Amino acid sequence: MSYTIVFTNYEIRGESERLIEEYKLSLSESKAETEELLKKLNYHFIGNDDIWGFRSGYFMSIAEIIPLTLGSDSY
Protein backbone atom coordinates (compact mmCIF):
# COMPACT_ATOMS: atom_id res chain seq x y z
CA MET A 1 0.00 0.00 0.00
CA SER A 2 1.17 3.54 -0.72
CA TYR A 3 0.89 6.55 1.57
CA THR A 4 1.02 10.33 1.34
CA ILE A 5 1.20 13.13 3.91
CA VAL A 6 -1.29 15.88 4.75
CA PHE A 7 0.39 18.85 6.46
CA THR A 8 -1.57 21.29 8.63
CA ASN A 9 0.29 24.40 9.81
CA TYR A 10 -0.79 26.64 12.68
CA GLU A 11 0.28 29.86 14.34
CA ILE A 12 0.05 29.48 18.14
CA ARG A 13 -0.40 32.56 20.34
CA GLY A 14 -1.11 31.86 24.00
CA GLU A 15 -4.23 29.71 24.20
CA SER A 16 -5.36 30.36 20.62
CA GLU A 17 -4.29 28.93 17.30
CA ARG A 18 -4.81 30.11 13.74
CA LEU A 19 -4.77 27.78 10.75
CA ILE A 20 -2.15 29.02 8.30
CA GLU A 21 -2.43 26.38 5.58
CA GLU A 22 -3.19 22.78 4.85
CA TYR A 23 -1.83 20.83 1.91
CA LYS A 24 -1.35 17.31 0.64
CA LEU A 25 2.12 16.31 -0.46
CA SER A 26 2.34 14.81 -3.96
CA LEU A 27 3.96 11.59 -2.79
CA SER A 28 3.28 7.90 -3.06
CA GLU A 29 5.64 5.87 -0.87
CA SER A 30 5.55 2.97 1.56
CA LYS A 31 4.68 3.80 5.16
CA ALA A 32 8.28 3.21 6.31
CA GLU A 33 9.63 5.58 3.62
CA THR A 34 7.01 8.18 4.54
CA GLU A 35 7.95 7.98 8.24
CA GLU A 36 11.65 8.27 7.34
CA LEU A 37 10.92 11.45 5.35
CA LEU A 38 9.12 12.97 8.35
CA LYS A 39 12.07 12.14 10.60
CA LYS A 40 14.44 13.88 8.16
CA LEU A 41 12.15 16.94 8.30
CA ASN A 42 12.48 16.95 12.14
CA TYR A 43 8.92 15.78 12.78
CA HIS A 44 8.36 13.68 15.89
CA PHE A 45 5.94 10.85 16.52
CA ILE A 46 3.04 12.24 18.57
CA GLY A 47 1.43 9.04 19.78
CA ASN A 48 -0.91 7.93 17.06
CA ASP A 49 0.63 5.69 14.37
CA ASP A 50 -0.23 8.22 11.69
CA ILE A 51 0.24 11.61 13.40
CA TRP A 52 3.60 13.41 13.54
CA GLY A 53 4.45 17.02 14.34
CA PHE A 54 6.83 19.70 15.48
CA ARG A 55 6.65 23.11 17.10
CA SER A 56 9.05 26.02 16.79
CA GLY A 57 8.26 29.29 18.55
CA TYR A 58 4.79 30.36 17.42
CA PHE A 59 4.62 27.79 14.59
CA MET A 60 3.25 24.25 14.84
CA SER A 61 2.99 21.73 12.01
CA ILE A 62 1.05 18.47 12.13
CA ALA A 63 1.67 15.77 9.52
CA GLU A 64 -0.86 12.98 9.05
CA ILE A 65 0.11 9.89 7.07
CA ILE A 66 -2.79 8.98 4.78
CA PRO A 67 -3.14 5.64 2.95
CA LEU A 68 -3.73 6.04 -0.78
CA THR A 69 -6.48 4.03 -2.39
CA LEU A 70 -7.40 3.87 -6.05
CA GLY A 71 -9.14 7.07 -7.06
CA SER A 72 -8.41 8.84 -3.76
CA ASP A 73 -7.95 12.49 -4.62
CA SER A 74 -10.61 13.56 -2.17
CA TYR A 75 -8.42 15.18 0.51
PDB file of N, CA and C in Angstrom:
ATOM      1  N   MET A   1       0.850  -1.180   0.000  1.00  0.00           N
ATOM      2  CA  MET A   1       0.000   0.000   0.000  1.00  0.00           C
ATOM      3  C   MET A   1       0.891   1.238   0.000  1.00  0.00           C
ATOM      4  N   SER A   2       0.442   2.275  -0.673  1.00  0.00           N
ATOM      5  CA  SER A   2       1.166   3.545  -0.720  1.00  0.00           C
ATOM      6  C   SER A   2       0.521   4.562   0.213  1.00  0.00           C
ATOM      7  N   TYR A   3       1.338   5.526   0.634  1.00  0.00           N
ATOM      8  CA  TYR A   3       0.890   6.553   1.575  1.00  0.00           C
ATOM      9  C   TYR A   3       1.334   7.927   1.102  1.00  0.00           C
ATOM     10  N   THR A   4       0.633   8.945   1.561  1.00  0.00           N
ATOM     11  CA  THR A   4       1.021  10.328   1.343  1.00  0.00           C
ATOM     12  C   THR A   4       0.916  11.065   2.675  1.00  0.00           C
ATOM     13  N   ILE A   5       1.220  12.353   2.670  1.00  0.00           N
ATOM     14  CA  ILE A   5       1.201  13.133   3.908  1.00  0.00           C
ATOM     15  C   ILE A   5       0.330  14.369   3.725  1.00  0.00           C
ATOM     16  N   VAL A   6      -0.524  14.633   4.704  1.00  0.00           N
ATOM     17  CA  VAL A   6      -1.286  15.882   4.748  1.00  0.00           C
ATOM     18  C   VAL A   6      -0.685  16.728   5.865  1.00  0.00           C
ATOM     19  N   PHE A   7      -0.206  17.919   5.501  1.00  0.00           N
ATOM     20  CA  PHE A   7       0.393  18.847   6.462  1.00  0.00           C
ATOM     21  C   PHE A   7      -0.628  19.906   6.846  1.00  0.00           C
ATOM     22  N   THR A   8      -0.725  20.209   8.128  1.00  0.00           N
ATOM     23  CA  THR A   8      -1.566  21.290   8.631  1.00  0.00           C
ATOM     24  C   THR A   8      -0.681  22.181   9.490  1.00  0.00           C
ATOM     25  N   ASN A   9      -0.597  23.461   9.124  1.00  0.00           N
ATOM     26  CA  ASN A   9       0.288  24.404   9.807  1.00  0.00           C
ATOM     27  C   ASN A   9      -0.518  25.443  10.563  1.00  0.00           C
ATOM     28  N   TYR A  10      -0.091  25.714  11.797  1.00  0.00           N
ATOM     29  CA  TYR A  10      -0.794  26.640  12.678  1.00  0.00           C
ATOM     30  C   TYR A  10       0.155  27.691  13.239  1.00  0.00           C
ATOM     31  N   GLU A  11      -0.396  28.856  13.528  1.00  0.00           N
ATOM     32  CA  GLU A  11       0.279  29.861  14.337  1.00  0.00           C
ATOM     33  C   GLU A  11      -0.330  29.758  15.732  1.00  0.00           C
ATOM     34  N   ILE A  12       0.508  29.629  16.760  1.00  0.00           N
ATOM     35  CA  ILE A  12       0.046  29.478  18.138  1.00  0.00           C
ATOM     36  C   ILE A  12       0.402  30.744  18.905  1.00  0.00           C
ATOM     37  N   ARG A  13      -0.610  31.367  19.503  1.00  0.00           N
ATOM     38  CA  ARG A  13      -0.402  32.557  20.344  1.00  0.00           C
ATOM     39  C   ARG A  13      -1.173  32.349  21.637  1.00  0.00           C
ATOM     40  N   GLY A  14      -0.451  32.098  22.725  1.00  0.00           N
ATOM     41  CA  GLY A  14      -1.115  31.862  24.004  1.00  0.00           C
ATOM     42  C   GLY A  14      -1.996  30.630  23.931  1.00  0.00           C
ATOM     43  N   GLU A  15      -3.274  30.805  24.214  1.00  0.00           N
ATOM     44  CA  GLU A  15      -4.232  29.705  24.198  1.00  0.00           C
ATOM     45  C   GLU A  15      -4.963  29.576  22.866  1.00  0.00           C
ATOM     46  N   SER A  16      -4.640  30.410  21.896  1.00  0.00           N
ATOM     47  CA  SER A  16      -5.359  30.357  20.618  1.00  0.00           C
ATOM     48  C   SER A  16      -4.435  29.928  19.489  1.00  0.00           C
ATOM     49  N   GLU A  17      -5.038  29.316  18.487  1.00  0.00           N
ATOM     50  CA  GLU A  17      -4.290  28.927  17.304  1.00  0.00           C
ATOM     51  C   GLU A  17      -5.012  29.427  16.065  1.00  0.00           C
ATOM     52  N   ARG A  18      -4.242  29.658  15.015  1.00  0.00           N
ATOM     53  CA  ARG A  18      -4.807  30.114  13.743  1.00  0.00           C
ATOM     54  C   ARG A  18      -4.262  29.207  12.652  1.00  0.00           C
ATOM     55  N   LEU A  19      -5.171  28.623  11.867  1.00  0.00           N
ATOM     56  CA  LEU A  19      -4.770  27.780  10.750  1.00  0.00           C
ATOM     57  C   LEU A  19      -4.090  28.643   9.699  1.00  0.00           C
ATOM     58  N   ILE A  20      -2.876  28.293   9.336  1.00  0.00           N
ATOM     59  CA  ILE A  20      -2.147  29.018   8.302  1.00  0.00           C
ATOM     60  C   ILE A  20      -2.404  28.386   6.943  1.00  0.00           C
ATOM     61  N   GLU A  21      -2.198  27.077   6.843  1.00  0.00           N
ATOM     62  CA  GLU A  21      -2.427  26.383   5.582  1.00  0.00           C
ATOM     63  C   GLU A  21      -2.529  24.887   5.818  1.00  0.00           C
ATOM     64  N   GLU A  22      -3.100  24.226   4.837  1.00  0.00           N
ATOM     65  CA  GLU A  22      -3.194  22.776   4.850  1.00  0.00           C
ATOM     66  C   GLU A  22      -2.947  22.310   3.429  1.00  0.00           C
ATOM     67  N   TYR A  23      -2.079  21.328   3.260  1.00  0.00           N
ATOM     68  CA  TYR A  23      -1.826  20.833   1.914  1.00  0.00           C
ATOM     69  C   TYR A  23      -1.436  19.365   1.944  1.00  0.00           C
ATOM     70  N   LYS A  24      -1.669  18.716   0.814  1.00  0.00           N
ATOM     71  CA  LYS A  24      -1.354  17.307   0.642  1.00  0.00           C
ATOM     72  C   LYS A  24      -0.103  17.207  -0.219  1.00  0.00           C
ATOM     73  N   LEU A  25       0.874  16.495   0.260  1.00  0.00           N
ATOM     74  CA  LEU A  25       2.122  16.307  -0.465  1.00  0.00           C
ATOM     75  C   LEU A  25       1.896  15.359  -1.634  1.00  0.00           C
ATOM     76  N   SER A  26       2.416  15.693  -2.793  1.00  0.00           N
ATOM     77  CA  SER A  26       2.342  14.806  -3.959  1.00  0.00           C
ATOM     78  C   SER A  26       3.407  13.725  -3.792  1.00  0.00           C
ATOM     79  N   LEU A  27       3.019  12.644  -3.166  1.00  0.00           N
ATOM     80  CA  LEU A  27       3.957  11.594  -2.790  1.00  0.00           C
ATOM     81  C   LEU A  27       3.208  10.274  -2.749  1.00  0.00           C
ATOM     82  N   SER A  28       3.862   9.229  -3.153  1.00  0.00           N
ATOM     83  CA  SER A  28       3.278   7.898  -3.061  1.00  0.00           C
ATOM     84  C   SER A  28       4.395   6.933  -2.681  1.00  0.00           C
ATOM     85  N   GLU A  29       4.549   6.699  -1.391  1.00  0.00           N
ATOM     86  CA  GLU A  29       5.639   5.874  -0.868  1.00  0.00           C
ATOM     87  C   GLU A  29       5.083   4.843   0.109  1.00  0.00           C
ATOM     88  N   SER A  30       5.945   3.918   0.510  1.00  0.00           N
ATOM     89  CA  SER A  30       5.554   2.974   1.556  1.00  0.00           C
ATOM     90  C   SER A  30       5.462   3.732   2.882  1.00  0.00           C
ATOM     91  N   LYS A  31       4.823   3.121   3.867  1.00  0.00           N
ATOM     92  CA  LYS A  31       4.680   3.797   5.159  1.00  0.00           C
ATOM     93  C   LYS A  31       6.045   4.029   5.808  1.00  0.00           C
ATOM     94  N   ALA A  32       6.947   3.062   5.722  1.00  0.00           N
ATOM     95  CA  ALA A  32       8.280   3.215   6.311  1.00  0.00           C
ATOM     96  C   ALA A  32       9.042   4.361   5.647  1.00  0.00           C
ATOM     97  N   GLU A  33       8.955   4.481   4.326  1.00  0.00           N
ATOM     98  CA  GLU A  33       9.629   5.576   3.616  1.00  0.00           C
ATOM     99  C   GLU A  33       9.010   6.923   3.978  1.00  0.00           C
ATOM    100  N   THR A  34       7.702   6.949   4.149  1.00  0.00           N
ATOM    101  CA  THR A  34       7.008   8.181   4.537  1.00  0.00           C
ATOM    102  C   THR A  34       7.429   8.609   5.943  1.00  0.00           C
ATOM    103  N   GLU A  35       7.502   7.670   6.873  1.00  0.00           N
ATOM    104  CA  GLU A  35       7.948   7.977   8.236  1.00  0.00           C
ATOM    105  C   GLU A  35       9.395   8.455   8.242  1.00  0.00           C
ATOM    106  N   GLU A  36      10.244   7.850   7.420  1.00  0.00           N
ATOM    107  CA  GLU A  36      11.649   8.266   7.344  1.00  0.00           C
ATOM    108  C   GLU A  36      11.762   9.696   6.829  1.00  0.00           C
ATOM    109  N   LEU A  37      10.936  10.069   5.853  1.00  0.00           N
ATOM    110  CA  LEU A  37      10.924  11.446   5.348  1.00  0.00           C
ATOM    111  C   LEU A  37      10.552  12.417   6.466  1.00  0.00           C
ATOM    112  N   LEU A  38       9.530  12.094   7.245  1.00  0.00           N
ATOM    113  CA  LEU A  38       9.120  12.971   8.348  1.00  0.00           C
ATOM    114  C   LEU A  38      10.238  13.126   9.378  1.00  0.00           C
ATOM    115  N   LYS A  39      10.949  12.053   9.666  1.00  0.00           N
ATOM    116  CA  LYS A  39      12.075  12.137  10.604  1.00  0.00           C
ATOM    117  C   LYS A  39      13.153  13.078  10.068  1.00  0.00           C
ATOM    118  N   LYS A  40      13.433  13.003   8.773  1.00  0.00           N
ATOM    119  CA  LYS A  40      14.437  13.879   8.155  1.00  0.00           C
ATOM    120  C   LYS A  40      14.006  15.341   8.202  1.00  0.00           C
ATOM    121  N   LEU A  41      12.694  15.581   8.218  1.00  0.00           N
ATOM    122  CA  LEU A  41      12.151  16.942   8.295  1.00  0.00           C
ATOM    123  C   LEU A  41      11.981  17.411   9.744  1.00  0.00           C
ATOM    124  N   ASN A  42      12.525  16.644  10.698  1.00  0.00           N
ATOM    125  CA  ASN A  42      12.482  16.955  12.136  1.00  0.00           C
ATOM    126  C   ASN A  42      11.094  16.851  12.762  1.00  0.00           C
ATOM    127  N   TYR A  43      10.215  16.062  12.163  1.00  0.00           N
ATOM    128  CA  TYR A  43       8.920  15.783  12.781  1.00  0.00           C
ATOM    129  C   TYR A  43       9.117  14.670  13.800  1.00  0.00           C
ATOM    130  N   HIS A  44       8.281  14.683  14.833  1.00  0.00           N
ATOM    131  CA  HIS A  44       8.358  13.681  15.890  1.00  0.00           C
ATOM    132  C   HIS A  44       7.025  12.955  15.994  1.00  0.00           C
ATOM    133  N   PHE A  45       7.115  11.685  16.300  1.00  0.00           N
ATOM    134  CA  PHE A  45       5.942  10.851  16.516  1.00  0.00           C
ATOM    135  C   PHE A  45       5.162  11.410  17.693  1.00  0.00           C
ATOM    136  N   ILE A  46       3.856  11.625  17.518  1.00  0.00           N
ATOM    137  CA  ILE A  46       3.043  12.245  18.565  1.00  0.00           C
ATOM    138  C   ILE A  46       2.354  11.209  19.454  1.00  0.00           C
ATOM    139  N   GLY A  47       2.069  10.040  18.948  1.00  0.00           N
ATOM    140  CA  GLY A  47       1.430   9.038  19.785  1.00  0.00           C
ATOM    141  C   GLY A  47       0.393   8.224  19.052  1.00  0.00           C
ATOM    142  N   ASN A  48      -0.029   8.684  17.933  1.00  0.00           N
ATOM    143  CA  ASN A  48      -0.910   7.931  17.061  1.00  0.00           C
ATOM    144  C   ASN A  48      -0.028   7.450  15.917  1.00  0.00           C
ATOM    145  N   ASP A  49      -0.233   6.238  15.431  1.00  0.00           N
ATOM    146  CA  ASP A  49       0.625   5.690  14.369  1.00  0.00           C
ATOM    147  C   ASP A  49       0.765   6.607  13.163  1.00  0.00           C
ATOM    148  N   ASP A  50      -0.217   7.435  12.917  1.00  0.00           N
ATOM    149  CA  ASP A  50      -0.225   8.218  11.690  1.00  0.00           C
ATOM    150  C   ASP A  50      -0.083   9.718  11.903  1.00  0.00           C
ATOM    151  N   ILE A  51       0.142  10.178  13.119  1.00  0.00           N
ATOM    152  CA  ILE A  51       0.240  11.614  13.405  1.00  0.00           C
ATOM    153  C   ILE A  51       1.653  11.953  13.883  1.00  0.00           C
ATOM    154  N   TRP A  52       2.258  12.929  13.221  1.00  0.00           N
ATOM    155  CA  TRP A  52       3.598  13.413  13.539  1.00  0.00           C
ATOM    156  C   TRP A  52       3.518  14.927  13.634  1.00  0.00           C
ATOM    157  N   GLY A  53       4.493  15.567  14.271  1.00  0.00           N
ATOM    158  CA  GLY A  53       4.453  17.017  14.343  1.00  0.00           C
ATOM    159  C   GLY A  53       5.715  17.626  14.902  1.00  0.00           C
ATOM    160  N   PHE A  54       5.781  18.947  14.811  1.00  0.00           N
ATOM    161  CA  PHE A  54       6.833  19.698  15.481  1.00  0.00           C
ATOM    162  C   PHE A  54       6.344  21.103  15.761  1.00  0.00           C
ATOM    163  N   ARG A  55       6.990  21.740  16.737  1.00  0.00           N
ATOM    164  CA  ARG A  55       6.650  23.113  17.096  1.00  0.00           C
ATOM    165  C   ARG A  55       7.932  23.910  17.233  1.00  0.00           C
ATOM    166  N   SER A  56       7.905  25.118  16.714  1.00  0.00           N
ATOM    167  CA  SER A  56       9.050  26.021  16.794  1.00  0.00           C
ATOM    168  C   SER A  56       8.518  27.424  17.040  1.00  0.00           C
ATOM    169  N   GLY A  57       8.762  27.950  18.230  1.00  0.00           N
ATOM    170  CA  GLY A  57       8.261  29.288  18.550  1.00  0.00           C
ATOM    171  C   GLY A  57       6.747  29.339  18.457  1.00  0.00           C
ATOM    172  N   TYR A  58       6.238  30.196  17.595  1.00  0.00           N
ATOM    173  CA  TYR A  58       4.788  30.363  17.422  1.00  0.00           C
ATOM    174  C   TYR A  58       4.222  29.494  16.304  1.00  0.00           C
ATOM    175  N   PHE A  59       5.022  28.610  15.733  1.00  0.00           N
ATOM    176  CA  PHE A  59       4.616  27.790  14.595  1.00  0.00           C
ATOM    177  C   PHE A  59       4.508  26.329  15.010  1.00  0.00           C
ATOM    178  N   MET A  60       3.417  25.675  14.598  1.00  0.00           N
ATOM    179  CA  MET A  60       3.246  24.250  14.837  1.00  0.00           C
ATOM    180  C   MET A  60       2.787  23.605  13.544  1.00  0.00           C
ATOM    181  N   SER A  61       3.373  22.469  13.208  1.00  0.00           N
ATOM    182  CA  SER A  61       2.985  21.735  12.014  1.00  0.00           C
ATOM    183  C   SER A  61       2.644  20.304  12.399  1.00  0.00           C
ATOM    184  N   ILE A  62       1.506  19.843  11.910  1.00  0.00           N
ATOM    185  CA  ILE A  62       1.052  18.474  12.126  1.00  0.00           C
ATOM    186  C   ILE A  62       1.069  17.775  10.775  1.00  0.00           C
ATOM    187  N   ALA A  63       1.623  16.566  10.742  1.00  0.00           N
ATOM    188  CA  ALA A  63       1.666  15.771   9.518  1.00  0.00           C
ATOM    189  C   ALA A  63       0.902  14.476   9.768  1.00  0.00           C
ATOM    190  N   GLU A  64      -0.079  14.212   8.926  1.00  0.00           N
ATOM    191  CA  GLU A  64      -0.860  12.982   9.047  1.00  0.00           C
ATOM    192  C   GLU A  64      -0.559  12.092   7.854  1.00  0.00           C
ATOM    193  N   ILE A  65      -0.154  10.856   8.133  1.00  0.00           N
ATOM    194  CA  ILE A  65       0.115   9.889   7.073  1.00  0.00           C
ATOM    195  C   ILE A  65      -1.217   9.298   6.634  1.00  0.00           C
ATOM    196  N   ILE A  66      -1.501   9.406   5.332  1.00  0.00           N
ATOM    197  CA  ILE A  66      -2.786   8.981   4.779  1.00  0.00           C
ATOM    198  C   ILE A  66      -2.563   7.843   3.784  1.00  0.00           C
ATOM    199  N   PRO A  67      -3.267   6.708   3.940  1.00  0.00           N
ATOM    200  CA  PRO A  67      -3.139   5.642   2.945  1.00  0.00           C
ATOM    201  C   PRO A  67      -3.812   6.057   1.640  1.00  0.00           C
ATOM    202  N   LEU A  68      -3.155   5.745   0.531  1.00  0.00           N
ATOM    203  CA  LEU A  68      -3.730   6.040  -0.779  1.00  0.00           C
ATOM    204  C   LEU A  68      -4.505   4.828  -1.263  1.00  0.00           C
ATOM    205  N   THR A  69      -5.684   5.077  -1.769  1.00  0.00           N
ATOM    206  CA  THR A  69      -6.477   4.031  -2.391  1.00  0.00           C
ATOM    207  C   THR A  69      -6.749   4.454  -3.818  1.00  0.00           C
ATOM    208  N   LEU A  70      -7.120   3.530  -4.657  1.00  0.00           N
ATOM    209  CA  LEU A  70      -7.400   3.867  -6.050  1.00  0.00           C
ATOM    210  C   LEU A  70      -8.467   4.939  -6.127  1.00  0.00           C
ATOM    211  N   GLY A  71      -8.183   5.981  -6.882  1.00  0.00           N
ATOM    212  CA  GLY A  71      -9.141   7.068  -7.060  1.00  0.00           C
ATOM    213  C   GLY A  71      -9.271   7.978  -5.865  1.00  0.00           C
ATOM    214  N   SER A  72      -8.287   7.995  -4.961  1.00  0.00           N
ATOM    215  CA  SER A  72      -8.412   8.843  -3.765  1.00  0.00           C
ATOM    216  C   SER A  72      -7.712  10.175  -3.970  1.00  0.00           C
ATOM    217  N   ASP A  73      -8.422  11.116  -4.512  1.00  0.00           N
ATOM    218  CA  ASP A  73      -7.948  12.493  -4.625  1.00  0.00           C
ATOM    219  C   ASP A  73      -8.837  13.393  -3.804  1.00  0.00           C
ATOM    220  N   SER A  74      -9.556  12.822  -2.855  1.00  0.00           N
ATOM    221  CA  SER A  74     -10.606  13.562  -2.166  1.00  0.00           C
ATOM    222  C   SER A  74     -10.115  14.453  -1.044  1.00  0.00           C
ATOM    223  N   TYR A  75      -8.846  14.365  -0.618  1.00  0.00           N
ATOM    224  CA  TYR A  75      -8.424  15.181   0.512  1.00  0.00           C
ATOM    225  C   TYR A  75      -8.034  16.535   0.098  1.00  0.00           C
TER     226      TYR A  75
END
